[in-house]
Protein backbone atom coordinates (compact mmCIF):
# COMPACT_ATOMS: atom_id res chain seq x y z
CA MET A 1 -2.77 -5.05 23.58
CA LEU A 2 -0.80 -1.39 23.59
CA LYS A 3 2.20 -3.24 24.97
CA TYR A 4 2.38 -5.56 22.15
CA ARG A 5 1.70 -2.82 19.55
CA LEU A 6 5.16 -0.65 21.08
CA ILE A 7 6.93 -3.63 21.21
CA SER A 8 6.27 -4.93 17.36
CA ALA A 9 6.31 -1.19 16.53
CA PHE A 10 10.27 -0.29 17.62
CA VAL A 11 11.20 -3.77 16.03
CA LEU A 12 9.60 -3.39 12.84
CA ILE A 13 10.34 0.27 11.98
CA PRO A 14 14.41 -0.02 12.28
CA VAL A 15 13.91 -3.92 10.36
CA VAL A 16 12.13 -1.59 7.56
CA ILE A 17 14.60 1.02 7.38
CA ALA A 18 17.57 -1.33 7.23
CA ALA A 19 15.86 -3.09 4.49
CA LEU A 20 15.35 0.27 2.60
CA PHE A 21 18.69 1.13 2.85
CA LEU A 22 21.35 -1.75 3.13
CA LEU A 23 19.56 -4.40 0.76
CA PRO A 24 20.89 -4.43 -2.94
CA PRO A 25 18.11 -4.35 -5.30
CA GLY A 26 17.91 -8.22 -5.77
CA GLY A 27 17.94 -8.43 -2.15
CA PHE A 28 14.97 -5.89 -1.61
CA ALA A 29 13.23 -7.48 -4.45
CA ILE A 30 13.13 -10.96 -2.18
CA VAL A 31 11.93 -9.17 0.81
CA THR A 32 9.39 -7.54 -1.10
CA LEU A 33 8.08 -10.73 -2.62
CA VAL A 34 8.19 -12.59 0.83
CA VAL A 35 5.70 -9.73 2.02
CA CYS A 36 3.67 -10.03 -0.92
CA MET A 37 3.47 -13.80 -0.49
CA LEU A 38 2.12 -13.36 3.10
CA ALA A 39 -0.36 -10.95 1.73
CA ALA A 40 -1.69 -13.09 -0.63
CA TRP A 41 -2.01 -15.99 2.05
CA GLU A 42 -4.12 -13.35 4.12
CA TRP A 43 -6.05 -12.57 1.05
CA GLY A 44 -7.25 -15.81 0.52
CA GLN A 45 -9.17 -15.74 3.77
CA LEU A 46 -10.71 -12.62 2.26
CA SER A 47 -11.35 -14.18 -0.99
CA GLY A 48 -13.29 -17.27 0.85
CA PHE A 49 -10.66 -19.59 1.07
CA THR A 50 -10.78 -20.95 4.70
CA SER A 51 -8.53 -24.20 3.90
CA ARG A 52 -4.91 -23.68 5.17
CA SER A 53 -3.92 -25.77 2.11
CA GLN A 54 -5.64 -23.55 -0.24
CA ARG A 55 -4.01 -20.08 1.19
CA ILE A 56 -0.68 -21.88 0.76
CA TRP A 57 -1.24 -22.64 -2.67
CA LEU A 58 -2.41 -19.29 -3.29
CA ALA A 59 0.90 -17.63 -1.29
CA VAL A 60 3.00 -19.95 -3.71
CA LEU A 61 1.29 -19.03 -6.90
CA PHE A 62 1.15 -15.48 -6.34
CA GLY A 63 5.19 -15.81 -5.38
CA LEU A 64 5.71 -17.80 -8.68
CA LEU A 65 3.94 -15.13 -10.40
CA LEU A 66 6.06 -11.79 -9.18
CA ALA A 67 8.73 -14.40 -9.48
CA VAL A 68 8.39 -14.75 -13.19
CA MET A 69 7.52 -11.36 -14.22
CA LEU A 70 11.29 -10.42 -12.18
CA LEU A 71 12.93 -12.97 -14.50
CA LEU A 72 11.18 -11.51 -17.64
CA LEU A 73 12.68 -8.18 -17.04
CA PRO A 74 16.54 -7.38 -17.82
CA GLU A 75 18.30 -5.14 -15.49
CA TYR A 76 15.32 -4.33 -14.02
CA HIS A 77 16.70 -2.39 -11.43
CA HIS A 78 18.59 -0.02 -13.59
CA SER A 79 14.95 1.05 -15.49
CA VAL A 80 11.48 1.27 -14.65
CA ASN A 81 10.69 1.64 -18.06
CA GLN A 82 9.71 -1.80 -18.58
CA PRO A 83 6.24 -2.70 -19.83
CA ILE A 84 5.16 -4.96 -17.12
CA VAL A 85 5.88 -2.40 -14.36
CA GLU A 86 4.28 0.50 -16.45
CA ILE A 87 1.15 -2.11 -17.23
CA ALA A 88 1.14 -2.85 -13.26
CA LEU A 89 1.02 1.08 -11.90
CA TRP A 90 -1.68 1.90 -14.52
CA ALA A 91 -3.40 -0.86 -13.87
CA SER A 92 -3.14 -0.10 -9.82
CA LEU A 93 -4.72 3.39 -10.85
CA GLY A 94 -7.76 1.82 -12.71
CA TRP A 95 -8.15 -0.68 -9.72
CA TRP A 96 -8.21 2.28 -7.13
CA ILE A 97 -10.63 4.20 -9.02
CA ALA A 98 -12.93 1.11 -9.12
CA ALA A 99 -12.41 0.60 -5.74
CA LEU A 100 -13.65 3.82 -4.59
CA LEU A 101 -17.10 3.24 -6.48
CA LEU A 102 -17.20 -0.08 -4.69
CA VAL A 103 -16.87 1.64 -1.36
CA LEU A 104 -18.93 4.53 -2.02
CA PHE A 105 -21.68 2.25 -2.71
CA TYR A 106 -21.57 -0.54 -0.32
CA PRO A 107 -23.13 -2.79 0.89
CA GLY A 108 -25.13 -2.31 -2.56
CA SER A 109 -21.58 -3.06 -4.46
CA ALA A 110 -21.05 -6.30 -2.94
CA SER A 111 -23.94 -7.82 -4.85
CA PHE A 112 -21.69 -8.67 -7.68
CA TRP A 113 -18.48 -9.62 -6.12
CA ARG A 114 -19.91 -11.07 -3.03
CA HIS A 115 -20.11 -14.70 -3.92
CA SER A 116 -17.68 -14.79 -6.39
CA ARG A 117 -14.41 -16.14 -5.23
CA THR A 118 -12.73 -15.23 -8.89
CA LEU A 119 -13.50 -11.77 -8.88
CA ARG A 120 -12.27 -11.33 -5.20
CA LEU A 121 -9.01 -12.98 -6.00
CA ILE A 122 -8.90 -10.38 -9.35
CA PHE A 123 -9.05 -7.62 -6.87
CA GLY A 124 -6.22 -9.55 -4.70
CA LEU A 125 -3.99 -9.50 -7.85
CA LEU A 126 -4.89 -5.98 -8.35
CA THR A 127 -3.69 -5.02 -5.04
CA ILE A 128 -0.84 -7.04 -4.56
CA VAL A 129 1.10 -7.45 -7.72
CA PRO A 130 1.11 -3.55 -8.59
CA PHE A 131 2.26 -2.58 -4.85
CA PHE A 132 5.06 -5.09 -5.61
CA TRP A 133 6.29 -3.06 -8.91
CA GLY A 134 5.67 0.08 -7.19
CA MET A 135 8.12 -0.71 -4.18
CA LEU A 136 10.54 -1.95 -6.86
CA ALA A 137 9.87 1.44 -8.65
CA LEU A 138 10.79 3.96 -6.61
CA ARG A 139 13.50 1.78 -4.85
CA ALA A 140 15.38 1.92 -8.60
CA TRP A 141 15.01 5.64 -8.62
CA HIS A 142 18.39 6.93 -10.10
CA TYR A 143 20.09 3.88 -8.64
CA ASP A 144 22.74 3.96 -11.24
CA VAL A 145 23.71 7.51 -9.81
CA ASN A 146 22.93 7.26 -6.04
CA HIS A 147 22.30 3.89 -4.11
CA TYR A 148 20.30 5.78 -1.74
CA SER A 149 17.75 8.09 -4.03
CA GLY A 150 14.88 5.42 -4.26
CA SER A 151 15.36 4.41 -0.80
CA LEU A 152 14.58 8.37 0.23
CA TRP A 153 11.28 8.01 -1.79
CA LEU A 154 9.83 4.69 -0.04
CA LEU A 155 11.07 6.35 3.00
CA TYR A 156 9.02 9.39 1.97
CA VAL A 157 5.98 7.26 0.93
CA MET A 158 5.73 5.40 4.38
CA ILE A 159 6.07 8.19 6.63
CA LEU A 160 3.58 9.93 4.41
CA VAL A 161 0.99 7.29 5.08
CA TRP A 162 2.05 6.90 8.51
CA GLY A 163 1.92 10.45 9.39
CA ALA A 164 -1.70 10.66 7.48
CA ASP A 165 -2.93 7.90 9.50
CA SER A 166 -1.80 9.49 12.85
CA GLY A 167 -3.24 12.81 11.70
CA ALA A 168 -6.50 11.47 11.20
CA TYR A 169 -6.51 9.58 14.40
CA MET A 170 -5.69 12.19 16.32
CA PHE A 171 -8.06 15.18 14.51
CA GLY A 172 -10.71 12.29 15.03
CA LYS A 173 -10.61 11.75 18.59
CA LEU A 174 -10.53 15.61 19.09
CA PHE A 175 -12.95 16.95 16.43
CA GLY A 176 -14.38 13.74 15.27
CA LYS A 177 -18.18 14.27 14.68
CA HIS A 178 -19.32 13.18 11.14
CA LYS A 179 -18.66 9.69 9.82
CA LEU A 180 -16.66 9.18 6.39
CA ALA A 181 -17.80 5.66 5.73
CA PRO A 182 -20.06 4.30 8.39
CA LYS A 183 -20.95 1.27 6.76
CA VAL A 184 -17.44 0.43 5.87
CA SER A 185 -15.49 1.53 8.78
CA PRO A 186 -17.55 3.33 11.37
CA GLY A 187 -14.61 4.62 13.29
CA LYS A 188 -13.42 6.85 10.49
CA THR A 189 -14.78 10.65 10.57
CA TRP A 190 -14.56 13.61 7.83
CA GLN A 191 -12.54 15.42 10.54
CA GLY A 192 -10.02 13.15 10.90
CA PHE A 193 -9.99 12.67 7.13
CA ILE A 194 -9.13 16.07 6.84
CA GLY A 195 -6.47 16.20 9.45
CA GLY A 196 -4.89 13.14 7.98
CA LEU A 197 -4.89 15.45 4.56
CA ALA A 198 -3.45 18.41 6.43
CA THR A 199 -0.84 16.45 7.89
CA ALA A 200 0.00 14.72 4.58
CA ALA A 201 0.87 18.55 3.01
CA VAL A 202 3.12 19.45 6.04
CA ILE A 203 4.69 16.31 5.71
CA SER A 204 5.55 16.91 2.03
CA TRP A 205 6.34 20.55 2.74
CA ALA A 206 8.80 19.55 5.55
CA TYR A 207 10.62 16.46 3.79
CA GLY A 208 11.04 18.45 0.66
CA LEU A 209 12.75 20.65 2.60
CA TRP A 210 15.12 17.99 4.29
CA ALA A 211 15.79 15.58 1.45
CA ASN A 212 16.54 16.81 -2.16
CA LEU A 213 14.23 14.75 -4.07
CA GLU A 214 14.77 16.55 -7.40
CA VAL A 215 10.96 17.17 -8.02
CA THR A 216 9.33 20.28 -8.18
CA PRO A 217 7.04 21.58 -5.06
CA SER A 218 3.91 21.23 -7.06
CA VAL A 219 4.25 17.96 -8.59
CA LEU A 220 5.20 16.59 -5.08
CA LEU A 221 2.62 18.01 -3.35
CA ILE A 222 0.16 16.60 -6.01
CA CYS A 223 1.67 13.25 -5.64
CA SER A 224 1.60 13.39 -2.00
CA VAL A 225 -2.27 14.42 -1.69
CA VAL A 226 -3.48 11.84 -4.16
CA ALA A 227 -1.34 9.18 -2.50
CA ALA A 228 -2.57 10.25 1.08
CA LEU A 229 -6.21 9.93 -0.35
CA ALA A 230 -5.21 6.50 -1.69
CA SER A 231 -4.11 5.44 1.46
CA VAL A 232 -7.42 6.01 3.02
CA LEU A 233 -8.98 4.39 0.04
CA GLY A 234 -6.53 1.29 0.92
CA ASP A 235 -7.79 1.05 4.47
CA LEU A 236 -11.66 1.45 3.58
CA THR A 237 -11.29 -1.08 0.87
CA GLU A 238 -9.57 -3.88 3.13
CA SER A 239 -12.14 -2.97 5.85
CA MET A 240 -14.99 -3.54 2.89
CA PHE A 241 -13.56 -7.18 2.49
CA LYS A 242 -12.88 -8.23 5.96
CA ARG A 243 -16.38 -7.15 6.63
CA GLU A 244 -17.99 -9.32 4.05
CA ALA A 245 -15.44 -12.09 5.56
CA GLY A 246 -16.34 -11.58 8.67
CA ILE A 247 -13.14 -11.40 10.30
CA LYS A 248 -11.74 -8.25 12.34
CA ASP A 249 -7.98 -8.65 11.72
CA SER A 250 -6.55 -10.10 8.03
CA GLY A 251 -4.28 -12.28 10.42
CA HIS A 252 -2.04 -12.70 13.40
CA LEU A 253 1.24 -12.45 12.71
CA ILE A 254 2.24 -9.41 14.10
CA PRO A 255 1.52 -9.31 17.84
CA GLY A 256 -0.96 -6.47 18.67
CA HIS A 257 -1.41 -5.18 15.22
CA GLY A 258 -3.01 -8.20 13.05
CA GLY A 259 -1.80 -9.34 9.84
CA ILE A 260 0.49 -8.12 7.05
CA LEU A 261 -2.52 -6.59 5.27
CA ASP A 262 -3.72 -4.86 8.27
CA ARG A 263 -0.02 -3.13 8.48
CA ILE A 264 0.32 -2.37 4.68
CA ASP A 265 -3.30 -2.26 3.43
CA SER A 266 -2.64 1.71 3.12
CA LEU A 267 0.36 1.41 1.46
CA THR A 268 -0.94 -0.83 -1.34
CA ALA A 269 -2.34 1.96 -2.82
CA ALA A 270 -0.59 4.78 -2.20
CA VAL A 271 3.00 3.32 -2.96
CA PRO A 272 1.66 2.23 -6.80
CA VAL A 273 -0.57 5.27 -7.14
CA PHE A 274 2.53 7.56 -5.93
CA ALA A 275 4.78 5.79 -8.17
CA CYS A 276 2.29 5.81 -10.90
CA LEU A 277 1.92 9.76 -11.06
CA LEU A 278 5.49 10.34 -10.24
CA LEU A 279 7.13 8.06 -12.99
CA LEU A 280 4.14 7.74 -15.32
CA VAL A 281 2.21 10.63 -15.15
CA PHE A 282 4.54 13.51 -14.59
CA ARG A 283 7.40 11.58 -16.06
CA THR A 284 9.92 12.77 -13.23
CA ILE A 285 12.55 9.82 -14.24
């Protein structure tokens, strides 16, 4: 299993970096849309759709929805000040606050959505659609001035999330004693959680020194810490839905890593929350 995880990581990381820096906005949007369609395919299982045909239709409908939203945006890659983008990012902020409550009060909180496919589909919509627009909004950062500014931002968020996750794992292994959310994800501890946040803070400071991100250190730190918190919540939320669905992995697309959702669960929360804070709350556009 470890061998497959390492091989997949060595293949995927260069592909992700190449997509960030080499693809034009249109190509990047298409790739992100395909990733979101695959995520929607896997979310179908979390929503209770066991039929392959139903999940295919769900992925197609998600893809059509995102494609139509893209077509409604004139010059979408030049500006993120579009109602569709802003609504999606604000909705994400609201959804992850609600998701926090669902996780905190689980399994009691599951009583009102456990038997509703509609609600679980809405949760998926609120997870995947804002993630799509968060990716594109960050990629569009000052694109007219510097084609790579947005790529640096997205790379930063990804490194932040991966670093926080690695820090949490190491601190949890070394010092973990007190469970963070035993009813949702028994392996996570408070010590790992704090270690992950500390790692995120160090990454924020170091990356800010290396890359000219054109944001004050205080704003960067606030956005980074909240994004790191959101990444943990994204992981816990998917774990909660998988637990209810009775599955270990959302899929088997990536050898040794599970499904697409298993790899981007933290990013589905961190990316739109970070974009919302940076672009809409602090207005660093």
